[in-house]
């Protein structure tokens, strides 16, 4: 659940916490619970709702939610409208626009953190989607409980709470949740997997969420080792030492190559396994091949004992 107290959460008295709220049962229950706790711990509790403009009447619904938040005593309250692009598909584009809006609100109000209402059921759906897409450990780790994005702290307090519990909480508090039609729109991948998760039952949902936690802990450890290895392999001019790369275990080396590609400026949404495999081939399957093309117009070649960009 939300922070139990400013000291336990590492937050100063009077600090601001923002709740991202769509009006659905999960985020509505989170908002009500956070406000209850904040009033007893000396925290300011604000609410931000994002209007994606993807459905008729979305602006009116967002405004109504903002009015409700003001009446309940949330402060600050913001209704932010965004323009959703097309990069990465509709779900990814909407998510990117939403996070950008939440980050801007957090910076404007100097919020200590932004709380997100994702539940255990959402986590199980994320794991199944990652399996279907053939994702690696980081994808199977699901959504982290805490994430820092562009300097803004995002926390998901409800990852161990089931969706049925948030609905029950709304009913108990007399809160009328909005049912997003996109949740049952088969054109969205998450909507297609949602009935499968529901059919698996709460026991399997809990197991999938636990799997995400276990894989996430392993992935965090390997990512830490890879960060150290990247520092050792970097040359003064930003290339990577072939000798150092060849000494690394495969799971560490591929993480180093992935992190290095991002460091070069390759867009994370475009960087795929095939690109990392091609870079890895310059180390483990070297036969004098040419440069590896990366998204964003970059190319990497092996010359002089280094992997480095070429023009």
Protein backbone atom coordinates (compact mmCIF):
# COMPACT_ATOMS: atom_id res chain seq x y z
CA UNK A 1 0.00 0.00 0.00
CA UNK A 2 1.09 3.64 -0.07
CA UNK A 3 3.87 4.88 2.18
CA UNK A 4 3.05 4.05 5.78
CA UNK A 5 4.72 7.20 7.08
CA UNK A 6 7.12 9.87 6.04
CA UNK A 7 9.96 8.38 8.03
CA UNK A 8 9.39 4.84 6.73
CA UNK A 9 9.21 6.05 3.17
CA UNK A 10 12.25 8.29 3.54
CA UNK A 11 10.13 11.35 2.83
CA UNK A 12 10.40 14.65 4.70
CA UNK A 13 7.39 15.96 6.58
CA UNK A 14 5.48 18.26 4.27
CA UNK A 15 6.88 16.56 1.17
CA UNK A 16 4.63 16.07 -1.84
CA UNK A 17 3.50 12.74 -3.26
CA UNK A 18 1.55 12.66 -6.52
CA UNK A 19 -0.86 9.87 -7.45
CA UNK A 20 -1.32 9.12 -11.14
CA UNK A 21 -5.04 8.43 -11.45
CA UNK A 22 -7.07 7.44 -14.51
CA UNK A 23 -10.32 7.05 -12.60
CA UNK A 24 -10.19 3.27 -12.86
CA UNK A 25 -10.62 1.11 -9.75
CA UNK A 26 -6.90 0.47 -9.21
CA UNK A 27 -5.68 4.07 -9.30
CA UNK A 28 -8.82 5.38 -7.60
CA UNK A 29 -8.33 3.02 -4.65
CA UNK A 30 -4.65 3.99 -4.52
CA UNK A 31 -5.52 7.69 -4.53
CA UNK A 32 -8.02 7.35 -1.67
CA UNK A 33 -5.63 5.23 0.41
CA UNK A 34 -2.71 7.58 -0.18
CA UNK A 35 -4.73 10.62 0.83
CA UNK A 36 -5.81 8.83 4.02
CA UNK A 37 -2.21 8.01 4.93
CA UNK A 38 -0.82 11.39 3.89
CA UNK A 39 -3.15 13.28 6.21
CA UNK A 40 -1.80 11.27 9.14
CA UNK A 41 1.88 11.53 8.28
CA UNK A 42 2.38 15.17 7.40
CA UNK A 43 2.65 14.65 3.65
CA UNK A 44 0.98 16.59 0.86
CA UNK A 45 -0.95 14.33 -1.50
CA UNK A 46 -1.63 15.52 -5.03
CA UNK A 47 -3.33 13.87 -7.99
CA UNK A 48 -2.52 13.98 -11.69
CA UNK A 49 -4.79 12.63 -14.41
CA UNK A 50 -3.71 12.46 -18.03
CA UNK A 51 -6.11 12.92 -20.92
CA UNK A 52 -4.72 11.05 -23.93
CA UNK A 53 -7.46 12.35 -26.21
CA UNK A 54 -7.99 8.89 -27.69
CA UNK A 55 -11.67 8.50 -26.79
CA UNK A 56 -14.74 10.65 -27.23
CA UNK A 57 -15.47 12.56 -24.05
CA UNK A 58 -12.07 11.86 -22.52
CA UNK A 59 -11.49 15.53 -21.76
CA UNK A 60 -14.77 15.81 -19.87
CA UNK A 61 -14.03 12.67 -17.85
CA UNK A 62 -10.58 13.96 -16.93
CA UNK A 63 -12.04 17.31 -15.84
CA UNK A 64 -14.66 15.54 -13.69
CA UNK A 65 -11.95 13.48 -12.03
CA UNK A 66 -9.97 16.64 -11.36
CA UNK A 67 -13.03 18.27 -9.76
CA UNK A 68 -13.55 15.17 -7.59
CA UNK A 69 -9.93 15.31 -6.45
CA UNK A 70 -10.22 18.97 -5.48
CA UNK A 71 -13.39 18.24 -3.50
CA UNK A 72 -11.69 15.38 -1.67
CA UNK A 73 -8.79 17.61 -0.64
CA UNK A 74 -5.99 16.51 -2.97
CA UNK A 75 -3.45 19.26 -3.57
CA UNK A 76 -2.09 19.93 -6.06
CA UNK A 77 -4.50 18.60 -8.69
CA UNK A 78 -3.57 18.63 -12.35
CA UNK A 79 -5.38 17.56 -15.51
CA UNK A 80 -2.82 17.22 -18.28
CA UNK A 81 -3.72 16.73 -21.94
CA UNK A 82 -1.20 15.02 -24.18
CA UNK A 83 -0.81 14.27 -27.86
CA UNK A 84 -0.12 10.59 -28.49
CA UNK A 85 2.28 9.81 -31.31
CA UNK A 86 2.69 6.59 -33.25
CA UNK A 87 6.20 5.38 -32.39
CA UNK A 88 6.24 1.81 -31.05
CA UNK A 89 2.50 1.26 -31.53
CA UNK A 90 -0.54 2.78 -29.80
CA UNK A 91 0.08 1.31 -26.34
CA UNK A 92 3.75 2.28 -26.21
CA UNK A 93 3.08 5.74 -27.63
CA UNK A 94 0.32 6.43 -25.09
CA UNK A 95 2.54 5.18 -22.26
CA UNK A 96 5.41 7.42 -23.35
CA UNK A 97 3.16 10.48 -23.54
CA UNK A 98 1.65 9.67 -20.14
CA UNK A 99 5.02 9.31 -18.41
CA UNK A 100 6.28 12.54 -19.94
CA UNK A 101 3.23 14.34 -18.53
CA UNK A 102 3.68 12.78 -15.09
CA UNK A 103 7.36 13.71 -15.07
CA UNK A 104 6.54 17.30 -15.93
CA UNK A 105 3.98 17.47 -13.11
CA UNK A 106 6.45 15.97 -10.63
CA UNK A 107 9.13 18.47 -11.57
CA UNK A 108 6.72 21.41 -11.44
CA UNK A 109 5.54 20.52 -7.94
CA UNK A 110 8.86 19.15 -6.68
CA UNK A 111 7.19 15.86 -5.83
CA UNK A 112 9.22 13.28 -3.92
CA UNK A 113 7.59 10.49 -5.93
CA UNK A 114 4.75 9.60 -8.26
CA UNK A 115 2.60 6.61 -7.27
CA UNK A 116 1.22 4.28 -9.95
CA UNK A 117 -1.75 1.95 -9.47
CA UNK A 118 -0.48 -1.22 -11.17
CA UNK A 119 -1.62 -4.38 -9.38
CA UNK A 120 -0.53 -8.00 -9.12
CA UNK A 121 -2.86 -8.78 -12.05
CA UNK A 122 -1.14 -6.14 -14.18
CA UNK A 123 2.21 -7.69 -13.29
CA UNK A 124 1.02 -11.16 -14.34
CA UNK A 125 -0.21 -9.75 -17.66
CA UNK A 126 3.15 -8.08 -18.20
CA UNK A 127 5.02 -11.35 -17.62
CA UNK A 128 2.79 -13.25 -20.06
CA UNK A 129 3.21 -10.55 -22.69
CA UNK A 130 6.97 -10.71 -22.23
CA UNK A 131 6.89 -14.48 -22.71
CA UNK A 132 4.82 -14.12 -25.87
CA UNK A 133 7.27 -11.57 -27.28
CA UNK A 134 10.31 -13.70 -26.47
CA UNK A 135 11.71 -11.13 -24.07
CA UNK A 136 14.81 -11.78 -22.02
CA UNK A 137 15.15 -11.65 -18.22
CA UNK A 138 14.57 -7.92 -18.00
CA UNK A 139 11.22 -8.29 -19.75
CA UNK A 140 10.23 -11.28 -17.62
CA UNK A 141 11.06 -9.25 -14.52
CA UNK A 142 7.92 -7.26 -15.26
CA UNK A 143 7.34 -3.84 -13.79
CA UNK A 144 9.73 -2.75 -11.02
CA UNK A 145 8.25 -1.57 -7.75
CA UNK A 146 10.46 1.51 -7.88
CA UNK A 147 11.93 3.18 -10.93
CA UNK A 148 13.75 6.45 -11.52
CA UNK A 149 13.03 7.98 -14.92
CA UNK A 150 14.63 11.27 -15.92
CA UNK A 151 15.21 12.06 -12.26
CA UNK A 152 11.59 11.38 -11.21
CA UNK A 153 10.88 8.53 -8.77
CA UNK A 154 7.95 6.27 -9.72
CA UNK A 155 6.64 3.76 -7.17
CA UNK A 156 4.05 0.99 -7.57
CA UNK A 157 2.71 0.24 -4.07
CA UNK A 158 0.00 -2.20 -5.23
CA UNK A 159 2.07 -4.84 -7.02
CA UNK A 160 1.23 -7.31 -4.26
CA UNK A 161 -2.47 -6.36 -4.27
CA UNK A 162 -5.03 -8.06 -6.51
CA UNK A 163 -7.39 -6.21 -8.81
CA UNK A 164 -10.38 -7.68 -6.95
CA UNK A 165 -9.13 -6.00 -3.77
CA UNK A 166 -8.99 -2.57 -5.37
CA UNK A 167 -12.53 -2.99 -6.66
CA UNK A 168 -13.67 -4.04 -3.19
CA UNK A 169 -11.92 -1.01 -1.69
CA UNK A 170 -13.73 1.33 -4.10
CA UNK A 171 -17.06 -0.28 -3.24
CA UNK A 172 -16.37 0.08 0.47
CA UNK A 173 -15.53 3.77 0.05
CA UNK A 174 -18.46 4.46 -2.28
CA UNK A 175 -16.13 5.36 -5.15
CA UNK A 176 -17.50 4.90 -8.66
CA UNK A 177 -14.68 3.70 -10.91
CA UNK A 178 -14.49 4.35 -14.64
CA UNK A 179 -14.33 1.28 -16.89
CA UNK A 180 -11.89 2.03 -19.69
CA UNK A 181 -13.21 0.52 -22.95
CA UNK A 182 -9.62 -0.02 -24.07
CA UNK A 183 -9.38 -2.73 -21.39
CA UNK A 184 -11.60 -4.95 -23.54
CA UNK A 185 -10.52 -3.69 -26.97
CA UNK A 186 -8.88 -6.65 -28.73
CA UNK A 187 -6.73 -4.32 -30.84
CA UNK A 188 -4.59 -3.84 -27.72
CA UNK A 189 -2.26 -6.68 -26.72
CA UNK A 190 -2.89 -6.26 -23.00
CA UNK A 191 -6.65 -6.48 -23.53
CA UNK A 192 -6.16 -9.78 -25.38
CA UNK A 193 -4.07 -11.30 -22.61
CA UNK A 194 -6.29 -10.06 -19.76
CA UNK A 195 -8.96 -12.83 -20.10
CA UNK A 196 -6.20 -15.44 -20.17
CA UNK A 197 -4.78 -14.17 -16.88
CA UNK A 198 -8.24 -14.08 -15.32
CA UNK A 199 -8.88 -17.67 -16.42
CA UNK A 200 -5.62 -18.84 -14.81
CA UNK A 201 -6.94 -17.93 -11.39
CA UNK A 202 -5.47 -16.01 -8.44
CA UNK A 203 -2.96 -18.73 -7.56
CA UNK A 204 -1.28 -18.62 -10.97
CA UNK A 205 -1.44 -14.82 -11.01
CA UNK A 206 0.44 -14.74 -7.71
CA UNK A 207 3.00 -17.22 -9.06
CA UNK A 208 3.61 -15.11 -12.16
CA UNK A 209 4.08 -12.02 -10.02
CA UNK A 210 6.49 -13.91 -7.76
CA UNK A 211 8.42 -15.08 -10.83
CA UNK A 212 8.78 -11.45 -11.88
CA UNK A 213 10.27 -10.56 -8.47
CA UNK A 214 12.76 -13.45 -8.58
CA UNK A 215 13.85 -12.78 -12.16
CA UNK A 216 14.04 -9.08 -11.41
CA UNK A 217 16.45 -9.65 -8.52
CA UNK A 218 18.71 -11.76 -10.75
CA UNK A 219 18.53 -9.23 -13.58
CA UNK A 220 19.43 -6.38 -11.21
CA UNK A 221 22.49 -8.31 -10.02
CA UNK A 222 23.66 -9.08 -13.56
CA UNK A 223 23.04 -5.49 -14.64
CA UNK A 224 25.24 -4.32 -11.76
CA UNK A 225 28.06 -6.62 -12.87
CA UNK A 226 27.62 -5.41 -16.44
CA UNK A 227 27.85 -1.76 -15.37
CA UNK A 228 31.22 -2.46 -13.74
CA UNK A 229 32.37 -4.42 -16.78
CA UNK A 230 31.37 -1.61 -19.13
CA UNK A 231 33.51 0.83 -17.18
CA UNK A 232 36.55 -1.48 -17.51
CA UNK A 233 36.02 -2.06 -21.23
CA UNK A 234 35.55 1.58 -22.27
CA UNK A 235 38.46 3.23 -24.03
CA UNK A 236 39.41 6.87 -23.65
CA UNK A 237 37.54 7.69 -26.87
CA UNK A 238 34.39 5.80 -25.96
CA UNK A 239 35.02 2.56 -27.80
CA UNK A 240 35.03 -0.93 -26.26
CA UNK A 241 38.10 -3.11 -25.84
CA UNK A 242 37.75 -6.38 -27.77
CA UNK A 243 40.12 -8.10 -25.35
CA UNK A 244 38.02 -7.08 -22.33
CA UNK A 245 34.80 -8.09 -24.07
CA UNK A 246 36.17 -11.50 -24.99
CA UNK A 247 36.97 -12.20 -21.33
CA UNK A 248 33.38 -11.65 -20.23
CA UNK A 249 30.74 -14.31 -19.75
CA UNK A 250 28.09 -14.15 -22.45
CA UNK A 251 25.24 -12.77 -20.30
CA UNK A 252 27.50 -9.97 -19.04
CA UNK A 253 28.98 -9.18 -22.46
CA UNK A 254 25.58 -8.83 -24.16
CA UNK A 255 24.40 -6.54 -21.38
CA UNK A 256 27.54 -4.44 -21.82
CA UNK A 257 26.91 -4.20 -25.56
CA UNK A 258 23.28 -3.24 -24.99
CA UNK A 259 24.22 -0.54 -22.47
CA UNK A 260 26.98 0.76 -24.74
CA UNK A 261 24.59 1.03 -27.69
CA UNK A 262 22.24 3.12 -25.57
CA UNK A 263 25.21 5.22 -24.47
CA UNK A 264 25.98 5.89 -28.15
CA UNK A 265 22.49 7.31 -28.57
CA UNK A 266 20.61 4.38 -30.07
CA UNK A 267 16.89 4.76 -29.17
CA UNK A 268 15.98 2.16 -26.57
CA UNK A 269 12.63 1.46 -28.22
CA UNK A 270 14.40 0.53 -31.47
CA UNK A 271 17.31 -1.46 -30.07
CA UNK A 272 16.50 -5.15 -30.60
CA UNK A 273 18.12 -8.48 -29.78
CA UNK A 274 19.32 -8.85 -33.37
CA UNK A 275 21.36 -5.66 -33.06
CA UNK A 276 23.05 -6.86 -29.87
CA UNK A 277 23.67 -10.28 -31.45
CA UNK A 278 25.32 -8.62 -34.44
CA UNK A 279 27.59 -6.62 -32.12
CA UNK A 280 28.38 -9.78 -30.17
CA UNK A 281 29.35 -11.52 -33.41
CA UNK A 282 32.13 -8.95 -33.82
CA UNK A 283 33.65 -10.52 -30.71
CA UNK A 284 32.77 -14.23 -30.70
CA UNK A 285 32.32 -14.87 -34.43
CA UNK A 286 34.88 -12.50 -35.92
CA UNK A 287 35.90 -13.22 -39.52
CA UNK A 288 36.57 -9.73 -40.79
CA UNK A 289 32.93 -8.79 -41.37
CA UNK A 290 31.87 -5.23 -42.05
CA UNK A 291 30.20 -2.67 -39.85
CA UNK A 292 27.03 -3.38 -37.88
CA UNK A 293 24.21 -0.95 -38.61
CA UNK A 294 22.31 0.26 -35.54
CA UNK A 295 19.06 2.24 -35.30
CA UNK A 296 19.47 5.98 -35.44
CA UNK A 297 21.91 5.92 -38.36
CA UNK A 298 24.85 4.63 -36.31
CA UNK A 299 27.31 1.96 -37.39
CA UNK A 300 29.88 0.03 -35.35
CA UNK A 301 33.02 -1.64 -36.64
CA UNK A 302 35.91 -3.62 -35.12
CA UNK A 303 39.22 -1.89 -35.78
CA UNK A 304 42.47 -1.65 -33.86
CA UNK A 305 41.26 -3.93 -31.10
CA UNK A 306 38.22 -1.79 -30.40
CA UNK A 307 34.53 -1.69 -31.18
CA UNK A 308 33.85 1.87 -32.22
CA UNK A 309 31.45 3.92 -34.27
CA UNK A 310 32.27 4.66 -37.87
CA UNK A 311 30.89 7.11 -40.39
